[in-house]
Amino acid sequence: MIWWMTSNARLSSEKAKIAELEATVDWLQVFRWRINVDAAMCVDFQVINEDEVFIFQMVYPSVFPDAPPMVYTKDRTQISFHQYGADGEMCLEHRPDNWQPSVTGADMIISCQKLLLEERSAEGKVLFAHSAHVASLGRDMRSKHFRFLVTEHDIKILNALNEREPTSVFLSERSSSSVYISTLSHVGANEESALPSDFVFPEGRANDVGLVVRLVGVGSPSASNADELRALLESFELVDLCDSLLNSNSFSHLLIGDEESWSFFCIFGEINDRKVINYTTLRLPSEKQRLPDSSSSLSSKTVGLVGCGSIGSKVATSLCRSGVGSFFFIDEDIFFPGNVIRNELDLNDTGAHKAHALRDRLLRINPHMDIKAFRLSLGGQESANSMAGALESLGECDLLIDATAEPKAFNMIASVSTRQKKPMIWVEVFAGGIGGIVARARPDIDPVPLVARSQIEAWCHDQDVDWIRPEEVGRYDGRDGEGAPLIAEDAEISIMAGHATRFASDILARPEASVFPVSAYVVGFSSEWLFNEPFDTRPIDLRPDGEWGESADMLEPEALVQLLREHLPSEES
């Protein structure tokens, strides 16, 4: 609701306080209160400072007094350094960052008059008043649609260049939300021998080549048009470079600067009408530690993930952000529009294989990752050779994750885990999203996966409930005790994916000293099945059982020699 319609007492108070102020000072004249076309309450007033007369309009927002009124010049002209442009409001003492509902419109008018007193001297000079502004990079960059990103490492490379000697520079460019961004890729004559930037942009909209010139003493170079750029280059006697860039119809890039100040220009257009875009240079901050020390070892680990659907895509993305360096994906499914409800992928991936689309998604998060993706169904009707290759690759991983909730896939992954002595995690959300389970099996600590699954089912039997298994069709759908439909939401999928990710990072970073006391948890999201309420969590203590590793049936040396003689090719062949 609009404040002046629901708070008549405050409106009356505002009018009274401003009228009282007008009666006690000689520099204020209040004109009229009115409602504008946006249904905002406004008041026009005049402030006299020395011999100058300023007319303002104060506009109360609909959410007043939760937000301050806005004071504009009546004719929308710029009169102050503390003004957001000619059409913008005055930046006064009372602002959104320090606003209190007890402040009134009269206080805003007093603040406006104080600003004029400080900025407008008796001699008519315009001075810069004391500012309470706190710098904000985000605010400063709002109107900067062309941005050039550099790192500390890039600056060191650029400052090592010979003075006034044009050098090739390889660029990566992309656009994002109406912002055009360029970054350095390599600096040098050719990409093979050039010095690389330490910031690797994902595959961009375009990769291009430009020129960089170090100009000692250039200060903060800027040029908004061709004439200004020509004057700048000619002042450093770079006539040939100037001609090649401006007496041409080609699309060109130029990076110039020295020390801490570097400017990037895009030059384009016809030879008689060259245009120049001066990008805003944005220096990337030095990397801060954002992960615990235990995550440092994850970069050398490889995770085998079977199932790149709702849960699997979220687990992979989270592990990527946690620092895992390599992945091996297995999934044959295609991504369709309906999958966007719960999957980490988006509509841009429609029609692609989930495994390949997820690989591309992670490479946009960390371009340094090593990711292999197999488009097949584990346990499905695939060629024996493809299946064997997939299982061999799984056996080389440091951790196996089953996010399929498919018994056939589970059995095959469990077999690899047991034989190769590789830890395994499996996670699923129960039909209808009533809850989920996450479990792990660590070699020589927990039972082998197949036995672990049996122990979990036995635990359910001890609770006097039947173990529930999702169905193939609509496996996230179910019904409550009264038959009403239940469907798992993205939040419930995300919770179980998060638990599985924590299990995974714990196994990879602390294989011998887990922070989790048990190896299986059943988590409730409702009061269905065995759960009393949402977030009802039941730990399941798994007892070590089963033999990890392959049971070798080794031949005696003589028998092995005989076997080789019978099966190896003859000397003649």
Protein backbone atom coordinates (compact mmCIF):
# COMPACT_ATOMS: atom_id res chain seq x y z
CA MET A 1 0.00 0.00 0.00
CA ILE A 2 1.02 3.64 -0.53
CA TRP A 3 2.11 5.22 2.73
CA TRP A 4 0.04 8.43 2.51
CA MET A 5 -3.14 6.38 2.06
CA THR A 6 -2.54 4.21 5.12
CA SER A 7 -0.72 6.61 7.46
CA ASN A 8 -2.58 9.91 7.56
CA ALA A 9 -0.97 10.81 10.90
CA ARG A 10 2.52 10.65 9.37
CA LEU A 11 1.44 12.72 6.37
CA SER A 12 0.00 15.38 8.67
CA SER A 13 3.20 15.32 10.72
CA GLU A 14 5.38 15.74 7.62
CA LYS A 15 3.36 18.77 6.48
CA ALA A 16 3.42 20.30 9.94
CA LYS A 17 7.18 19.96 10.42
CA ILE A 18 7.97 21.47 7.01
CA ALA A 19 5.52 24.35 7.67
CA GLU A 20 7.18 24.91 11.06
CA LEU A 21 10.62 25.02 9.40
CA GLU A 22 9.39 27.51 6.80
CA ALA A 23 8.11 29.77 9.58
CA THR A 24 11.40 29.80 11.49
CA VAL A 25 14.00 30.35 8.69
CA ASP A 26 14.33 33.01 6.03
CA TRP A 27 15.87 30.86 3.28
CA LEU A 28 12.93 28.50 2.65
CA GLN A 29 9.67 28.91 0.77
CA VAL A 30 7.31 25.97 0.39
CA PHE A 31 5.01 25.95 -2.64
CA ARG A 32 2.51 23.12 -2.85
CA TRP A 33 1.96 19.51 -1.99
CA ARG A 34 0.68 17.26 -4.76
CA ILE A 35 0.47 13.68 -6.01
CA ASN A 36 2.40 12.95 -9.22
CA VAL A 37 1.57 10.56 -12.05
CA ASP A 38 3.23 7.70 -10.14
CA ALA A 39 0.95 8.30 -7.16
CA ALA A 40 3.91 9.58 -5.12
CA MET A 41 3.42 12.44 -2.65
CA CYS A 42 5.58 15.44 -3.62
CA VAL A 43 6.32 18.89 -2.32
CA ASP A 44 8.01 21.75 -4.21
CA PHE A 45 10.19 24.19 -2.28
CA GLN A 46 12.65 27.01 -2.84
CA VAL A 47 15.99 27.55 -1.09
CA ILE A 48 17.79 30.92 -1.19
CA ASN A 49 21.56 30.82 -0.81
CA GLU A 50 23.28 34.25 -0.91
CA ASP A 51 21.80 35.77 -4.08
CA GLU A 52 20.98 32.47 -5.78
CA VAL A 53 17.56 30.85 -5.82
CA PHE A 54 17.22 27.07 -6.16
CA ILE A 55 13.90 25.32 -6.67
CA PHE A 56 13.62 21.67 -5.65
CA GLN A 57 11.07 18.91 -5.65
CA MET A 58 10.98 16.31 -2.87
CA VAL A 59 9.36 13.01 -3.78
CA TYR A 60 8.27 10.58 -1.08
CA PRO A 61 8.60 6.90 -2.08
CA SER A 62 5.62 4.60 -1.71
CA VAL A 63 7.43 2.72 1.09
CA PHE A 64 8.12 5.85 3.20
CA PRO A 65 9.16 5.97 6.06
CA ASP A 66 11.13 2.77 5.38
CA ALA A 67 13.12 4.63 2.71
CA PRO A 68 14.12 8.33 2.47
CA PRO A 69 12.43 10.95 0.30
CA MET A 70 14.30 11.94 -2.87
CA VAL A 71 15.22 15.57 -3.57
CA TYR A 72 15.62 16.69 -7.22
CA THR A 73 16.17 20.05 -8.86
CA LYS A 74 12.81 21.17 -10.21
CA ASP A 75 14.18 21.81 -13.72
CA ARG A 76 16.36 18.68 -13.61
CA THR A 77 19.67 20.54 -13.91
CA GLN A 78 22.93 19.66 -12.18
CA ILE A 79 23.86 22.13 -9.45
CA SER A 80 26.03 20.04 -7.16
CA PHE A 81 28.92 17.62 -7.18
CA HIS A 82 26.77 15.56 -4.80
CA GLN A 83 24.07 14.78 -7.35
CA TYR A 84 23.45 11.68 -9.44
CA GLY A 85 23.52 13.50 -12.76
CA ALA A 86 21.24 16.31 -13.94
CA ASP A 87 18.17 14.07 -13.71
CA GLY A 88 19.36 12.43 -10.52
CA GLU A 89 18.56 13.07 -6.89
CA MET A 90 20.71 15.05 -4.49
CA CYS A 91 23.03 12.98 -2.29
CA LEU A 92 22.32 14.38 1.17
CA GLU A 93 23.18 13.50 4.77
CA HIS A 94 20.25 11.13 5.07
CA ARG A 95 20.62 8.29 2.55
CA PRO A 96 19.48 4.67 2.20
CA ASP A 97 22.67 3.47 3.96
CA ASN A 98 22.02 5.47 7.16
CA TRP A 99 18.30 6.14 6.99
CA GLN A 100 16.12 6.08 10.11
CA PRO A 101 12.30 6.24 9.93
CA SER A 102 12.34 9.05 12.49
CA VAL A 103 14.01 11.38 9.98
CA THR A 104 11.52 13.74 8.34
CA GLY A 105 11.18 15.63 5.09
CA ALA A 106 12.07 18.79 7.02
CA ASP A 107 15.41 17.20 7.92
CA MET A 108 15.98 16.48 4.22
CA ILE A 109 15.35 20.15 3.35
CA ILE A 110 17.79 21.31 6.06
CA SER A 111 20.40 18.92 4.69
CA CYS A 112 19.86 20.29 1.19
CA GLN A 113 20.41 23.88 2.42
CA LYS A 114 23.58 22.86 4.31
CA LEU A 115 24.99 21.31 1.13
CA LEU A 116 24.41 24.54 -0.79
CA LEU A 117 26.08 26.58 1.97
CA GLU A 118 29.18 24.40 1.84
CA GLU A 119 29.42 24.22 -1.97
CA ARG A 120 28.46 27.79 -2.85
CA SER A 121 30.84 30.41 -1.48
CA ALA A 122 30.04 34.12 -1.04
CA GLU A 123 32.26 34.86 -4.05
CA GLY A 124 30.11 32.63 -6.24
CA LYS A 125 32.67 29.83 -6.53
CA VAL A 126 31.51 26.24 -6.55
CA LEU A 127 33.46 24.21 -3.99
CA PHE A 128 33.57 20.47 -3.38
CA ALA A 129 31.75 19.74 -0.13
CA HIS A 130 32.90 17.12 2.34
CA SER A 131 31.82 13.68 1.13
CA ALA A 132 30.65 10.70 3.14
CA HIS A 133 30.70 8.46 0.09
CA VAL A 134 32.15 4.98 0.50
CA ALA A 135 33.68 3.65 -2.71
CA SER A 136 31.78 0.80 -4.31
CA LEU A 137 33.22 -1.02 -7.31
CA GLY A 138 29.85 -2.43 -8.25
CA ARG A 139 28.24 1.01 -8.24
CA ASP A 140 31.10 2.57 -10.19
CA MET A 141 30.91 -0.11 -12.88
CA ARG A 142 27.16 0.08 -13.49
CA SER A 143 27.52 2.28 -16.56
CA LYS A 144 30.71 0.65 -17.85
CA HIS A 145 29.59 -1.73 -20.58
CA PHE A 146 33.05 -2.43 -22.03
CA ARG A 147 35.50 -3.93 -19.55
CA PHE A 148 39.07 -5.16 -19.82
CA LEU A 149 40.21 -7.58 -17.11
CA VAL A 150 43.85 -7.89 -15.97
CA THR A 151 45.58 -9.71 -13.13
CA GLU A 152 48.69 -8.88 -11.09
CA HIS A 153 50.53 -11.47 -13.17
CA ASP A 154 49.40 -9.81 -16.41
CA ILE A 155 50.69 -6.44 -15.19
CA LYS A 156 54.13 -7.95 -14.53
CA ILE A 157 54.25 -9.42 -18.05
CA LEU A 158 53.22 -6.11 -19.62
CA ASN A 159 55.75 -4.09 -17.63
CA ALA A 160 58.55 -6.37 -18.82
CA LEU A 161 57.93 -5.39 -22.48
CA ASN A 162 60.37 -3.15 -24.33
CA GLU A 163 59.36 0.51 -24.42
CA ARG A 164 57.54 1.75 -27.56
CA GLU A 165 57.84 -1.62 -29.25
CA PRO A 166 54.45 -2.94 -30.47
CA THR A 167 53.96 -6.59 -29.50
CA SER A 168 51.21 -9.01 -30.41
CA VAL A 169 48.69 -9.87 -27.76
CA PHE A 170 46.14 -12.70 -27.89
CA LEU A 171 42.72 -11.88 -26.49
CA SER A 172 39.61 -13.69 -25.37
CA GLU A 173 36.31 -11.86 -25.64
CA ARG A 174 32.80 -12.60 -24.50
CA SER A 175 29.56 -10.83 -23.66
CA SER A 176 27.52 -11.23 -20.50
CA SER A 177 24.31 -9.37 -19.62
CA SER A 178 24.93 -6.45 -22.02
CA VAL A 179 28.56 -6.18 -20.87
CA TYR A 180 31.45 -6.86 -23.27
CA ILE A 181 34.52 -8.31 -21.58
CA SER A 182 38.05 -8.78 -22.93
CA THR A 183 40.93 -10.55 -21.22
CA LEU A 184 44.52 -11.35 -22.05
CA SER A 185 45.26 -14.87 -23.19
CA HIS A 186 48.93 -14.62 -24.21
CA VAL A 187 51.45 -11.83 -24.74
CA GLY A 188 54.03 -12.38 -27.46
CA ALA A 189 54.67 -12.84 -31.16
CA ASN A 190 52.96 -16.24 -31.45
CA GLU A 191 50.71 -18.21 -29.16
CA GLU A 192 53.10 -21.16 -28.83
CA SER A 193 55.99 -19.09 -27.40
CA ALA A 194 53.96 -16.24 -25.89
CA LEU A 195 53.69 -15.64 -22.14
CA PRO A 196 50.30 -16.84 -20.88
CA SER A 197 47.99 -15.01 -18.54
CA ASP A 198 47.33 -16.75 -15.23
CA PHE A 199 43.60 -16.17 -15.67
CA VAL A 200 42.04 -18.61 -18.09
CA PHE A 201 38.68 -17.51 -19.43
CA PRO A 202 36.29 -20.26 -20.56
CA GLU A 203 35.78 -20.48 -24.31
CA GLY A 204 34.62 -17.00 -25.26
CA ARG A 205 32.50 -15.46 -27.95
CA ALA A 206 35.65 -14.76 -29.94
CA ASN A 207 39.41 -15.04 -29.77
CA ASP A 208 41.30 -12.19 -31.37
CA VAL A 209 44.76 -10.67 -31.77
CA GLY A 210 45.78 -7.09 -31.00
CA LEU A 211 48.82 -5.01 -30.18
CA VAL A 212 50.28 -3.90 -26.88
CA VAL A 213 52.75 -1.02 -26.40
CA ARG A 214 54.42 0.01 -23.17
CA LEU A 215 54.71 3.81 -22.96
CA VAL A 216 56.80 4.99 -20.04
CA GLY A 217 55.31 8.07 -18.42
CA VAL A 218 51.97 7.84 -20.22
CA GLY A 219 50.07 8.14 -16.94
CA SER A 220 46.45 7.02 -17.32
CA PRO A 221 45.94 6.90 -21.09
CA SER A 222 42.45 7.59 -22.39
CA ALA A 223 40.87 8.43 -25.73
CA SER A 224 37.18 8.57 -26.57
CA ASN A 225 37.59 9.16 -30.32
CA ALA A 226 40.03 8.71 -33.18
CA ASP A 227 41.47 12.23 -32.94
CA GLU A 228 42.31 11.82 -29.27
CA LEU A 229 43.91 8.42 -29.89
CA ARG A 230 45.91 9.84 -32.79
CA ALA A 231 47.18 12.71 -30.62
CA LEU A 232 48.13 10.29 -27.86
CA LEU A 233 50.12 7.98 -30.16
CA GLU A 234 51.79 10.82 -32.04
CA SER A 235 52.91 12.39 -28.76
CA PHE A 236 55.04 9.26 -28.30
CA GLU A 237 56.21 9.37 -31.96
CA LEU A 238 54.30 6.18 -32.84
CA VAL A 239 53.30 7.46 -36.27
CA ASP A 240 53.47 4.09 -38.06
CA LEU A 241 51.34 2.43 -35.40
CA CYS A 242 48.88 5.30 -35.57
CA ASP A 243 48.57 4.95 -39.38
CA SER A 244 48.08 1.19 -39.22
CA LEU A 245 45.24 1.56 -36.71
CA LEU A 246 43.47 4.70 -37.92
CA ASN A 247 44.16 4.78 -41.66
CA SER A 248 42.46 1.45 -42.16
CA ASN A 249 39.05 -0.18 -42.37
CA SER A 250 40.05 -3.12 -40.16
CA PHE A 251 38.80 -4.04 -36.71
CA SER A 252 41.72 -3.59 -34.29
CA HIS A 253 42.62 -3.78 -30.61
CA LEU A 254 45.27 -1.75 -28.82
CA LEU A 255 46.56 -2.02 -25.25
CA ILE A 256 48.80 0.79 -24.00
CA GLY A 257 50.10 1.85 -20.60
CA ASP A 258 52.86 1.44 -18.06
CA GLU A 259 53.33 0.45 -14.43
CA GLU A 260 49.87 0.19 -12.83
CA SER A 261 47.86 2.01 -15.53
CA TRP A 262 46.83 0.17 -18.70
CA SER A 263 44.07 1.07 -21.15
CA PHE A 264 42.44 -1.10 -23.79
CA PHE A 265 40.95 0.29 -27.01
CA CYS A 266 38.80 -1.19 -29.73
CA ILE A 267 39.15 0.62 -33.08
CA PHE A 268 36.71 0.01 -35.95
CA GLY A 269 34.73 1.67 -38.75
CA GLU A 270 35.43 3.10 -42.18
CA ILE A 271 38.76 4.83 -42.81
CA ASN A 272 37.10 8.26 -42.85
CA ASP A 273 34.94 7.56 -39.83
CA ARG A 274 36.99 5.53 -37.36
CA LYS A 275 35.38 4.82 -34.00
CA VAL A 276 37.17 4.16 -30.71
CA ILE A 277 35.85 2.37 -27.65
CA ASN A 278 37.90 2.95 -24.51
CA TYR A 279 37.32 -0.06 -22.25
CA THR A 280 37.30 0.37 -18.49
CA THR A 281 40.20 -1.57 -17.00
CA LEU A 282 39.11 -3.82 -14.16
CA ARG A 283 41.93 -5.26 -12.11
CA LEU A 284 41.11 -8.69 -10.75
CA PRO A 285 41.75 -8.98 -7.01
CA SER A 286 44.36 -11.41 -5.75
CA GLU A 287 42.96 -14.82 -4.95
CA LYS A 288 42.00 -15.35 -1.31
CA GLN A 289 41.75 -18.72 0.35
CA ARG A 290 38.11 -19.72 0.11
CA LEU A 291 38.46 -23.44 0.83
CA PRO A 292 39.78 -25.25 3.92
CA ASP A 293 43.36 -26.51 3.89
CA SER A 294 42.08 -30.07 3.64
CA SER A 295 40.71 -29.32 0.14
CA SER A 296 44.17 -28.68 -1.30
CA SER A 297 44.65 -32.38 -2.05
CA LEU A 298 41.44 -32.62 -4.11
CA SER A 299 43.04 -31.16 -7.23
CA SER A 300 44.91 -34.43 -7.81
CA LYS A 301 41.83 -36.62 -7.33
CA THR A 302 39.56 -38.16 -9.95
CA VAL A 303 35.88 -38.80 -9.26
CA GLY A 304 33.91 -41.31 -11.27
CA LEU A 305 30.26 -40.21 -11.41
CA VAL A 306 27.57 -42.43 -12.88
CA GLY A 307 24.36 -40.49 -13.49
CA CYS A 308 24.43 -36.82 -14.57
CA GLY A 309 20.81 -36.13 -13.76
CA SER A 310 19.32 -34.02 -11.01
CA ILE A 311 21.46 -35.26 -8.13
CA GLY A 312 24.57 -36.14 -10.14
CA SER A 313 24.80 -32.75 -11.85
CA LYS A 314 24.63 -30.94 -8.52
CA VAL A 315 27.19 -33.22 -6.86
CA ALA A 316 29.63 -32.76 -9.75
CA THR A 317 29.24 -28.97 -9.75
CA SER A 318 29.77 -28.71 -6.02
CA LEU A 319 32.84 -30.99 -6.10
CA CYS A 320 34.23 -28.92 -8.97
CA ARG A 321 33.93 -25.79 -6.83
CA SER A 322 35.51 -27.67 -3.94
CA GLY A 323 38.65 -28.24 -5.98
CA VAL A 324 38.36 -31.74 -7.48
CA GLY A 325 40.67 -31.78 -10.50
CA SER A 326 39.32 -34.62 -12.68
CA PHE A 327 36.02 -36.32 -13.44
CA PHE A 328 34.83 -39.34 -15.35
CA PHE A 329 31.12 -39.15 -16.25
CA ILE A 330 28.83 -41.94 -17.43
CA ASP A 331 25.29 -41.13 -18.58
CA GLU A 332 23.39 -41.84 -21.79
CA ASP A 333 20.44 -39.50 -21.22
CA ILE A 334 19.51 -36.45 -23.29
CA PHE A 335 18.67 -33.17 -21.55
CA PHE A 336 15.10 -32.02 -22.21
CA PRO A 337 13.31 -28.80 -21.16
CA GLY A 338 11.48 -30.54 -18.33
CA ASN A 339 14.79 -31.52 -16.74
CA VAL A 340 15.60 -27.89 -15.98
CA ILE A 341 13.31 -28.07 -12.94
CA ARG A 342 15.88 -29.98 -10.90
CA ASN A 343 19.08 -30.25 -12.95
CA GLU A 344 22.19 -28.06 -12.73
CA LEU A 345 22.04 -27.61 -16.52
CA ASP A 346 19.84 -25.02 -18.24
CA LEU A 347 17.79 -24.62 -21.42
CA ASN A 348 20.92 -23.85 -23.45
CA ASP A 349 21.77 -27.55 -23.05
CA THR A 350 18.46 -28.81 -24.45
CA GLY A 351 19.00 -31.70 -26.83
CA ALA A 352 22.57 -32.43 -25.66
CA HIS A 353 23.76 -35.50 -23.81
CA LYS A 354 23.77 -34.74 -20.11
CA ALA A 355 27.31 -36.07 -19.66
CA HIS A 356 28.75 -33.77 -22.34
CA ALA A 357 26.66 -30.77 -21.27
CA LEU A 358 27.75 -31.22 -17.65
CA ARG A 359 31.37 -31.46 -18.77
CA ASP A 360 31.02 -28.12 -20.59
CA ARG A 361 29.29 -26.60 -17.56
CA LEU A 362 32.17 -27.53 -15.25
CA LEU A 363 34.77 -26.26 -17.70
CA ARG A 364 33.07 -22.88 -17.51
CA ILE A 365 33.67 -22.99 -13.75
CA ASN A 366 37.23 -24.32 -13.93
CA PRO A 367 38.79 -24.42 -17.41
CA HIS A 368 41.79 -26.35 -16.03
CA MET A 369 39.76 -29.46 -15.25
CA ASP A 370 40.30 -32.82 -16.93
CA ILE A 371 36.91 -34.37 -17.70
CA LYS A 372 36.06 -37.51 -19.66
CA ALA A 373 32.44 -38.26 -20.50
CA PHE A 374 30.96 -41.56 -21.74
CA ARG A 375 27.51 -41.53 -23.31
CA LEU A 376 26.34 -45.00 -22.34
CA SER A 377 24.04 -46.74 -19.89
CA LEU A 378 25.87 -48.79 -17.28
CA GLY A 379 24.17 -52.16 -17.36
CA GLY A 380 22.25 -51.28 -20.51
CA GLN A 381 22.36 -52.77 -24.01
CA GLU A 382 25.80 -51.49 -24.93
CA SER A 383 28.70 -53.10 -26.74
CA ALA A 384 30.84 -55.30 -24.53
CA ASN A 385 33.92 -53.34 -25.57
CA SER A 386 32.39 -49.99 -24.54
CA MET A 387 31.17 -51.42 -21.26
CA ALA A 388 34.57 -52.92 -20.48
CA GLY A 389 36.26 -49.60 -21.23
CA ALA A 390 33.86 -47.75 -18.95
CA LEU A 391 34.42 -50.14 -16.08
CA GLU A 392 38.20 -50.00 -16.52
CA SER A 393 38.07 -46.19 -16.38
CA LEU A 394 35.92 -46.31 -13.25
CA GLY A 395 38.48 -48.58 -11.64
CA GLU A 396 41.16 -45.91 -12.14
CA CYS A 397 39.18 -43.25 -10.22
CA ASP A 398 39.85 -42.30 -6.60
CA LEU A 399 36.15 -42.29 -5.71
CA LEU A 400 33.02 -43.75 -7.30
CA ILE A 401 29.60 -42.10 -6.97
CA ASP A 402 26.33 -43.72 -8.00
CA ALA A 403 23.65 -41.07 -8.60
CA THR A 404 21.41 -43.28 -10.74
CA ALA A 405 19.22 -45.03 -8.12
CA GLU A 406 19.27 -47.95 -10.59
CA PRO A 407 19.95 -51.44 -9.15
CA LYS A 408 21.83 -52.65 -12.26
CA ALA A 409 24.15 -49.67 -12.26
CA PHE A 410 24.64 -49.98 -8.52
CA ASN A 411 25.65 -53.61 -8.82
CA MET A 412 28.25 -52.90 -11.50
CA ILE A 413 29.71 -49.89 -9.68
CA ALA A 414 29.75 -51.88 -6.44
CA SER A 415 31.67 -54.67 -8.19
CA VAL A 416 34.33 -52.26 -9.43
CA SER A 417 34.51 -50.63 -6.00
CA THR A 418 34.98 -53.96 -4.27
CA ARG A 419 37.49 -55.46 -6.68
CA GLN A 420 39.61 -52.33 -7.10
CA LYS A 421 39.27 -51.32 -3.42
CA LYS A 422 37.88 -47.89 -4.31
CA PRO A 423 35.50 -46.02 -1.97
CA MET A 424 31.93 -45.68 -3.20
CA ILE A 425 29.05 -43.31 -2.40
CA TRP A 426 25.46 -43.73 -3.45
CA VAL A 427 22.63 -41.25 -3.01
CA GLU A 428 18.98 -41.12 -3.95
CA VAL A 429 15.78 -39.23 -3.22
CA PHE A 430 12.76 -41.34 -2.40
CA ALA A 431 9.60 -41.24 -4.49
CA GLY A 432 7.66 -38.06 -3.93
CA GLY A 433 10.58 -36.39 -2.21
CA ILE A 434 9.54 -37.73 1.22
CA GLY A 435 13.20 -38.19 2.06
CA GLY A 436 16.44 -39.59 0.82
CA ILE A 437 19.45 -41.70 1.66
CA VAL A 438 23.18 -41.17 1.32
CA ALA A 439 25.65 -43.94 2.10
CA ARG A 440 29.32 -44.76 1.65
CA ALA A 441 31.51 -47.82 1.58
CA ARG A 442 35.21 -47.37 2.33
CA PRO A 443 37.69 -50.19 1.66
CA ASP A 444 38.62 -52.18 4.79
CA ILE A 445 36.56 -49.83 6.99
CA ASP A 446 32.94 -50.32 5.92
CA PRO A 447 31.15 -53.36 4.52
CA VAL A 448 31.49 -53.89 0.78
CA PRO A 449 28.73 -51.99 -1.08
CA LEU A 450 26.40 -54.93 -1.73
CA VAL A 451 26.55 -55.98 1.92
CA ALA A 452 26.09 -52.35 3.01
CA ARG A 453 22.92 -52.12 0.96
CA SER A 454 21.62 -55.32 2.57
CA GLN A 455 22.36 -53.96 6.04
CA ILE A 456 20.41 -50.78 5.22
CA GLU A 457 17.40 -52.83 4.12
CA ALA A 458 17.67 -54.91 7.29
CA TRP A 459 17.71 -51.71 9.34
CA CYS A 460 14.49 -50.62 7.66
CA HIS A 461 12.93 -53.97 8.49
CA ASP A 462 13.89 -53.44 12.13
CA GLN A 463 11.96 -50.15 12.05
CA ASP A 464 8.84 -52.10 10.99
CA VAL A 465 8.69 -50.36 7.60
CA ASP A 466 9.18 -51.71 4.11
CA TRP A 467 12.15 -50.40 2.14
CA ILE A 468 10.86 -48.13 -0.60
CA ARG A 469 12.39 -48.13 -4.05
CA PRO A 470 11.73 -45.48 -6.70
CA GLU A 471 10.03 -46.56 -9.88
CA GLU A 472 11.61 -46.08 -13.30
CA VAL A 473 8.88 -43.73 -14.52
CA GLY A 474 8.43 -40.55 -12.52
CA ARG A 475 10.70 -41.81 -9.78
CA TYR A 476 10.57 -38.42 -8.04
CA ASP A 477 6.76 -38.69 -7.89
CA GLY A 478 4.75 -40.37 -5.15
CA ARG A 479 1.62 -40.09 -3.01
CA ASP A 480 1.01 -39.52 0.68
CA GLY A 481 -1.06 -41.66 2.99
CA GLU A 482 -4.27 -40.08 1.72
CA GLY A 483 -3.37 -40.53 -1.94
CA ALA A 484 -2.45 -36.90 -2.62
CA PRO A 485 0.39 -36.51 -5.15
CA LEU A 486 3.90 -35.76 -3.89
CA ILE A 487 6.71 -34.52 -6.13
CA ALA A 488 10.32 -33.90 -5.12
CA GLU A 489 11.40 -30.29 -5.41
CA ASP A 490 14.77 -28.93 -6.42
CA ALA A 491 15.50 -27.98 -2.81
CA GLU A 492 15.10 -31.60 -1.68
CA ILE A 493 17.31 -32.84 -4.49
CA SER A 494 19.88 -30.21 -3.55
CA ILE A 495 19.89 -31.26 0.11
CA MET A 496 20.74 -34.86 -0.70
CA ALA A 497 23.28 -33.78 -3.32
CA GLY A 498 24.90 -31.58 -0.69
CA HIS A 499 25.12 -34.47 1.78
CA ALA A 500 26.67 -36.69 -0.88
CA THR A 501 29.18 -33.96 -1.75
CA ARG A 502 30.22 -33.65 1.89
CA PHE A 503 30.71 -37.41 2.08
CA ALA A 504 32.81 -37.24 -1.09
CA SER A 505 35.09 -34.38 -0.03
CA ASP A 506 35.50 -36.04 3.38
CA ILE A 507 36.62 -39.32 1.80
CA LEU A 508 39.00 -37.60 -0.62
CA ALA A 509 40.54 -35.21 1.90
CA ARG A 510 40.44 -37.38 5.05
CA PRO A 511 40.38 -41.04 4.00
CA GLU A 512 41.46 -42.28 7.41
CA ALA A 513 39.88 -39.70 9.71
CA SER A 514 36.29 -39.01 8.71
CA VAL A 515 34.22 -36.37 10.50
CA PHE A 516 31.12 -38.57 10.04
CA PRO A 517 30.61 -41.17 12.77
CA VAL A 518 28.43 -43.49 10.65
CA SER A 519 28.37 -44.37 6.96
CA ALA A 520 24.68 -44.09 6.07
CA TYR A 521 22.00 -41.51 6.79
CA VAL A 522 18.30 -41.51 5.98
CA VAL A 523 17.00 -37.93 5.84
CA GLY A 524 13.32 -36.99 5.97
CA PHE A 525 11.65 -34.10 4.17
CA SER A 526 8.12 -34.86 5.40
CA SER A 527 6.22 -36.86 8.01
CA GLU A 528 5.71 -39.76 5.58
CA TRP A 529 7.12 -43.31 5.80
CA LEU A 530 9.29 -43.67 8.93
CA PHE A 531 9.85 -39.94 9.41
CA ASN A 532 8.22 -38.01 12.25
CA GLU A 533 8.80 -34.60 10.67
CA PRO A 534 10.88 -32.76 8.04
CA PHE A 535 14.65 -32.92 8.67
CA ASP A 536 14.17 -36.06 10.74
CA THR A 537 17.57 -37.72 10.21
CA ARG A 538 18.28 -41.36 11.09
CA PRO A 539 21.91 -42.55 11.16
CA ILE A 540 22.54 -46.16 10.16
CA ASP A 541 25.66 -47.76 11.61
CA LEU A 542 27.09 -50.20 9.06
CA ARG A 543 29.17 -53.13 10.35
CA PRO A 544 32.32 -54.15 8.42
CA ASP A 545 31.56 -57.27 6.42
CA GLY A 546 32.68 -58.79 3.12
CA GLU A 547 36.10 -59.01 1.52
CA TRP A 548 37.57 -56.00 -0.26
CA GLY A 549 39.84 -56.62 -3.26
CA GLU A 550 40.07 -59.38 -5.81
CA SER A 551 40.51 -62.95 -4.61
CA ALA A 552 43.47 -64.12 -6.68
CA ASP A 553 43.62 -67.73 -7.90
CA MET A 554 47.30 -67.68 -8.84
CA LEU A 555 48.88 -70.39 -10.99
CA GLU A 556 52.04 -72.18 -10.02
CA PRO A 557 55.04 -71.03 -12.10
CA GLU A 558 55.14 -74.23 -14.13
CA ALA A 559 51.42 -74.04 -14.88
CA LEU A 560 51.75 -70.37 -15.91
CA VAL A 561 54.57 -71.20 -18.33
CA GLN A 562 52.45 -73.99 -19.83
CA LEU A 563 49.49 -71.59 -20.19
CA LEU A 564 51.62 -69.06 -22.04
CA ARG A 565 53.01 -71.74 -24.37
CA GLU A 566 49.52 -72.83 -25.26
CA HIS A 567 48.11 -69.36 -25.92
CA LEU A 568 50.94 -67.11 -27.14
CA PRO A 569 51.72 -66.95 -30.88
CA SER A 570 54.47 -69.22 -32.16
CA GLU A 571 57.92 -67.83 -32.92
CA GLU A 572 57.27 -68.14 -36.65
CA SER A 573 54.20 -65.89 -36.48
